[in-house]
């Protein structure tokens, strides 16, 4: 994560915002007389929130573990050739 001063951020606001959105990389902005802050795109923030939600949900984590075990043991659902063709032709 890049770290810049609040003065650099203010002087080049448009460029830093464009960089953050296009590269999906947050920027840490440091301040002398206060707490630092992070600038990130709204899409990235929402993705982070969804990840946190999944990680904090024991039911969702159990489903993921069960799915991984099913896959590892090759006992998962196997679509027919017609179903695969329908899925891949989208």
N, C-alpha and C. Protein backbone atom coordinates (compact mmCIF):
# COMPACT_ATOMS: atom_id res chain seq x y z
N UNK A 1 0.86 -1.17 0.00
CA UNK A 1 0.00 0.00 0.00
C UNK A 1 0.90 1.23 0.00
N UNK A 2 0.62 2.13 -0.92
CA UNK A 2 1.36 3.39 -0.98
C UNK A 2 0.98 4.27 0.20
N UNK A 3 1.94 5.04 0.68
CA UNK A 3 1.70 5.97 1.77
C UNK A 3 2.17 7.35 1.33
N UNK A 4 1.27 8.33 1.46
CA UNK A 4 1.59 9.70 1.05
C UNK A 4 1.15 10.67 2.14
N UNK A 5 1.69 11.86 2.08
CA UNK A 5 1.29 12.88 3.05
C UNK A 5 -0.05 13.49 2.63
N UNK A 6 -0.73 14.07 3.58
CA UNK A 6 -2.01 14.71 3.28
C UNK A 6 -1.81 15.86 2.31
N UNK A 7 -0.66 16.54 2.38
CA UNK A 7 -0.39 17.63 1.43
C UNK A 7 -0.25 17.10 0.00
N UNK A 8 0.48 15.98 -0.16
CA UNK A 8 0.60 15.37 -1.49
C UNK A 8 -0.78 14.96 -2.00
N UNK A 9 -1.58 14.37 -1.13
CA UNK A 9 -2.91 13.92 -1.51
C UNK A 9 -3.76 15.10 -1.96
N UNK A 10 -3.76 16.16 -1.18
CA UNK A 10 -4.57 17.34 -1.51
C UNK A 10 -4.12 17.97 -2.83
N UNK A 11 -2.80 18.07 -3.02
CA UNK A 11 -2.28 18.71 -4.23
C UNK A 11 -2.55 17.90 -5.50
N UNK A 12 -2.71 16.61 -5.36
CA UNK A 12 -2.90 15.72 -6.52
C UNK A 12 -4.14 14.85 -6.35
N UNK A 13 -5.18 15.42 -5.78
CA UNK A 13 -6.38 14.67 -5.43
C UNK A 13 -6.94 13.86 -6.61
N UNK A 14 -7.15 14.51 -7.73
CA UNK A 14 -7.76 13.84 -8.88
C UNK A 14 -6.92 12.65 -9.32
N UNK A 15 -5.62 12.82 -9.42
CA UNK A 15 -4.74 11.74 -9.86
C UNK A 15 -4.75 10.57 -8.89
N UNK A 16 -4.73 10.87 -7.59
CA UNK A 16 -4.74 9.79 -6.59
C UNK A 16 -6.08 9.06 -6.57
N UNK A 17 -7.16 9.77 -6.75
CA UNK A 17 -8.48 9.12 -6.80
C UNK A 17 -8.55 8.21 -8.02
N UNK A 18 -8.13 8.69 -9.16
CA UNK A 18 -8.13 7.87 -10.38
C UNK A 18 -7.26 6.63 -10.21
N UNK A 19 -6.10 6.80 -9.60
CA UNK A 19 -5.18 5.68 -9.36
C UNK A 19 -5.83 4.65 -8.45
N UNK A 20 -6.46 5.11 -7.40
CA UNK A 20 -7.09 4.21 -6.43
C UNK A 20 -8.21 3.41 -7.08
N UNK A 21 -9.02 4.06 -7.88
CA UNK A 21 -10.14 3.39 -8.53
C UNK A 21 -9.66 2.43 -9.62
N UNK A 22 -8.73 2.87 -10.44
CA UNK A 22 -8.31 2.05 -11.59
C UNK A 22 -7.41 0.88 -11.19
N UNK A 23 -6.56 1.07 -10.18
CA UNK A 23 -5.61 0.02 -9.79
C UNK A 23 -6.12 -0.84 -8.64
N UNK A 24 -7.25 -0.47 -8.05
CA UNK A 24 -7.82 -1.21 -6.92
C UNK A 24 -6.80 -1.39 -5.80
N UNK A 25 -6.04 -0.36 -5.56
CA UNK A 25 -5.03 -0.36 -4.51
C UNK A 25 -5.29 0.82 -3.58
N UNK A 26 -5.57 0.55 -2.30
CA UNK A 26 -5.81 1.67 -1.39
C UNK A 26 -4.55 2.50 -1.16
N UNK A 27 -4.75 3.73 -0.74
CA UNK A 27 -3.65 4.64 -0.43
C UNK A 27 -3.78 5.07 1.03
N UNK A 28 -2.68 4.99 1.75
CA UNK A 28 -2.64 5.47 3.14
C UNK A 28 -2.20 6.92 3.11
N UNK A 29 -3.01 7.79 3.71
CA UNK A 29 -2.69 9.21 3.76
C UNK A 29 -2.30 9.53 5.20
N UNK A 30 -1.10 10.07 5.36
CA UNK A 30 -0.58 10.36 6.70
C UNK A 30 -0.73 11.84 7.02
N UNK A 31 -0.99 12.11 8.29
CA UNK A 31 -1.13 13.49 8.76
C UNK A 31 -0.22 13.69 9.97
N UNK A 32 0.36 14.86 10.05
CA UNK A 32 1.25 15.16 11.18
C UNK A 32 0.48 15.26 12.50
N UNK A 33 -0.65 15.94 12.46
CA UNK A 33 -1.36 16.25 13.70
C UNK A 33 -2.68 15.47 13.80
N UNK A 34 -2.65 14.22 13.44
CA UNK A 34 -3.89 13.46 13.53
C UNK A 34 -3.70 12.04 13.04
N UNK A 35 -4.77 11.30 13.09
CA UNK A 35 -4.72 9.92 12.64
C UNK A 35 -4.61 9.84 11.12
N UNK A 36 -3.91 8.80 10.66
CA UNK A 36 -3.83 8.55 9.24
C UNK A 36 -5.19 8.02 8.76
N UNK A 37 -5.40 8.05 7.44
CA UNK A 37 -6.63 7.48 6.90
C UNK A 37 -6.33 6.78 5.59
N UNK A 38 -7.26 5.93 5.18
CA UNK A 38 -7.11 5.13 3.97
C UNK A 38 -8.12 5.60 2.93
N UNK A 39 -7.67 5.69 1.68
CA UNK A 39 -8.55 6.02 0.56
C UNK A 39 -8.64 4.78 -0.31
N UNK A 40 -9.88 4.32 -0.55
CA UNK A 40 -10.08 3.17 -1.41
C UNK A 40 -11.38 3.34 -2.19
N UNK A 41 -11.52 2.62 -3.29
CA UNK A 41 -12.72 2.74 -4.11
C UNK A 41 -13.91 2.14 -3.37
N UNK A 42 -15.09 2.61 -3.70
CA UNK A 42 -16.31 2.10 -3.07
C UNK A 42 -16.50 0.62 -3.38
N UNK A 43 -16.20 0.20 -4.61
CA UNK A 43 -16.32 -1.22 -4.96
C UNK A 43 -15.40 -2.08 -4.11
N UNK A 44 -14.17 -1.64 -3.92
CA UNK A 44 -13.23 -2.39 -3.10
C UNK A 44 -13.69 -2.44 -1.66
N UNK A 45 -14.21 -1.34 -1.15
CA UNK A 45 -14.70 -1.31 0.23
C UNK A 45 -15.86 -2.29 0.41
N UNK A 46 -16.79 -2.29 -0.55
CA UNK A 46 -17.93 -3.21 -0.46
C UNK A 46 -17.47 -4.66 -0.51
N UNK A 47 -16.49 -4.95 -1.35
CA UNK A 47 -15.94 -6.30 -1.42
C UNK A 47 -15.31 -6.70 -0.09
N UNK A 48 -14.60 -5.78 0.52
CA UNK A 48 -13.99 -6.05 1.83
C UNK A 48 -15.06 -6.34 2.89
N UNK A 49 -16.14 -5.56 2.85
CA UNK A 49 -17.23 -5.76 3.81
C UNK A 49 -17.88 -7.13 3.62
N UNK A 50 -18.07 -7.55 2.38
CA UNK A 50 -18.65 -8.87 2.11
C UNK A 50 -17.74 -9.97 2.62
N UNK A 51 -16.43 -9.81 2.42
CA UNK A 51 -15.47 -10.80 2.90
C UNK A 51 -15.52 -10.89 4.42
N UNK A 52 -15.55 -9.76 5.08
CA UNK A 52 -15.64 -9.76 6.54
C UNK A 52 -16.91 -10.45 7.01
N UNK A 53 -18.02 -10.19 6.32
CA UNK A 53 -19.29 -10.83 6.68
C UNK A 53 -19.17 -12.35 6.58
N UNK A 54 -18.61 -12.84 5.49
CA UNK A 54 -18.47 -14.29 5.31
C UNK A 54 -17.56 -14.87 6.39
N UNK A 55 -16.44 -14.22 6.64
CA UNK A 55 -15.49 -14.73 7.64
C UNK A 55 -16.06 -14.74 9.06
N UNK A 56 -16.97 -13.84 9.33
CA UNK A 56 -17.56 -13.77 10.67
C UNK A 56 -18.77 -14.68 10.85
N UNK A 57 -19.25 -15.26 9.76
CA UNK A 57 -20.42 -16.12 9.82
C UNK A 57 -19.98 -17.58 9.92
N UNK A 58 -20.23 -18.19 11.08
CA UNK A 58 -19.82 -19.58 11.26
C UNK A 58 -20.59 -20.51 10.31
N UNK A 59 -21.85 -20.20 10.02
CA UNK A 59 -22.63 -21.03 9.09
C UNK A 59 -22.05 -20.99 7.69
N UNK A 60 -21.70 -19.81 7.21
CA UNK A 60 -21.12 -19.69 5.87
C UNK A 60 -19.76 -20.39 5.80
N UNK A 61 -18.96 -20.24 6.85
CA UNK A 61 -17.65 -20.88 6.87
C UNK A 61 -17.79 -22.40 6.88
N UNK A 62 -18.79 -22.93 7.59
CA UNK A 62 -19.04 -24.37 7.59
C UNK A 62 -19.42 -24.84 6.19
N UNK A 63 -20.26 -24.07 5.50
CA UNK A 63 -20.65 -24.43 4.14
C UNK A 63 -19.45 -24.45 3.20
N UNK A 64 -18.55 -23.50 3.37
CA UNK A 64 -17.35 -23.45 2.53
C UNK A 64 -16.47 -24.67 2.79
N UNK A 65 -16.28 -25.02 4.06
CA UNK A 65 -15.47 -26.19 4.41
C UNK A 65 -16.09 -27.46 3.84
N UNK A 66 -17.40 -27.60 3.99
CA UNK A 66 -18.09 -28.78 3.46
C UNK A 66 -17.95 -28.86 1.94
N UNK A 67 -18.08 -27.73 1.28
CA UNK A 67 -17.94 -27.69 -0.17
C UNK A 67 -16.52 -28.05 -0.60
N UNK A 68 -15.53 -27.56 0.12
CA UNK A 68 -14.14 -27.87 -0.20
C UNK A 68 -13.88 -29.37 -0.02
N UNK A 69 -14.41 -29.95 1.06
CA UNK A 69 -14.24 -31.39 1.29
C UNK A 69 -14.93 -32.21 0.20
N UNK A 70 -16.10 -31.80 -0.19
CA UNK A 70 -16.82 -32.49 -1.27
C UNK A 70 -16.01 -32.45 -2.55
N UNK A 71 -15.47 -31.28 -2.86
CA UNK A 71 -14.67 -31.13 -4.08
C UNK A 71 -13.40 -31.98 -3.99
N UNK A 72 -12.72 -31.92 -2.85
CA UNK A 72 -11.48 -32.66 -2.67
C UNK A 72 -11.70 -34.17 -2.82
N UNK A 73 -12.83 -34.65 -2.32
CA UNK A 73 -13.14 -36.07 -2.39
C UNK A 73 -13.85 -36.46 -3.69
N UNK A 74 -13.97 -35.51 -4.61
CA UNK A 74 -14.59 -35.73 -5.92
C UNK A 74 -16.00 -36.31 -5.78
N UNK A 75 -16.76 -35.78 -4.82
CA UNK A 75 -18.12 -36.27 -4.59
C UNK A 75 -19.16 -35.18 -4.82
N UNK A 76 -18.76 -34.15 -5.52
CA UNK A 76 -19.66 -33.04 -5.77
C UNK A 76 -20.62 -33.32 -6.91
N UNK A 77 -21.47 -32.38 -7.17
CA UNK A 77 -22.44 -32.47 -8.25
C UNK A 77 -21.72 -32.50 -9.59
N UNK A 78 -22.13 -33.39 -10.46
CA UNK A 78 -21.53 -33.48 -11.79
C UNK A 78 -22.61 -33.20 -12.83
N UNK A 79 -22.54 -32.06 -13.49
CA UNK A 79 -23.55 -31.74 -14.50
C UNK A 79 -23.41 -32.65 -15.72
N UNK A 80 -24.50 -32.80 -16.42
CA UNK A 80 -24.47 -33.57 -17.66
C UNK A 80 -23.75 -32.77 -18.74
N UNK A 81 -23.43 -33.44 -19.85
CA UNK A 81 -22.76 -32.76 -20.95
C UNK A 81 -23.62 -31.62 -21.48
N UNK A 82 -24.94 -31.84 -21.56
CA UNK A 82 -25.85 -30.80 -22.04
C UNK A 82 -25.85 -29.59 -21.09
N UNK A 83 -25.83 -29.86 -19.79
CA UNK A 83 -25.80 -28.77 -18.81
C UNK A 83 -24.49 -27.99 -18.92
N UNK A 84 -23.39 -28.70 -19.09
CA UNK A 84 -22.09 -28.02 -19.25
C UNK A 84 -22.09 -27.15 -20.50
N UNK A 85 -22.63 -27.68 -21.59
CA UNK A 85 -22.70 -26.90 -22.83
C UNK A 85 -23.54 -25.64 -22.63
N UNK A 86 -24.63 -25.79 -21.91
CA UNK A 86 -25.50 -24.63 -21.66
C UNK A 86 -24.77 -23.58 -20.80
N UNK A 87 -24.05 -24.04 -19.80
CA UNK A 87 -23.32 -23.14 -18.91
C UNK A 87 -22.19 -22.42 -19.66
N UNK A 88 -21.42 -23.17 -20.44
CA UNK A 88 -20.25 -22.59 -21.10
C UNK A 88 -20.61 -21.77 -22.34
N UNK A 89 -21.82 -21.94 -22.84
CA UNK A 89 -22.18 -21.17 -24.04
C UNK A 89 -22.72 -19.78 -23.69
N UNK A 90 -22.78 -19.45 -22.41
CA UNK A 90 -23.24 -18.13 -22.01
C UNK A 90 -22.17 -17.17 -22.40
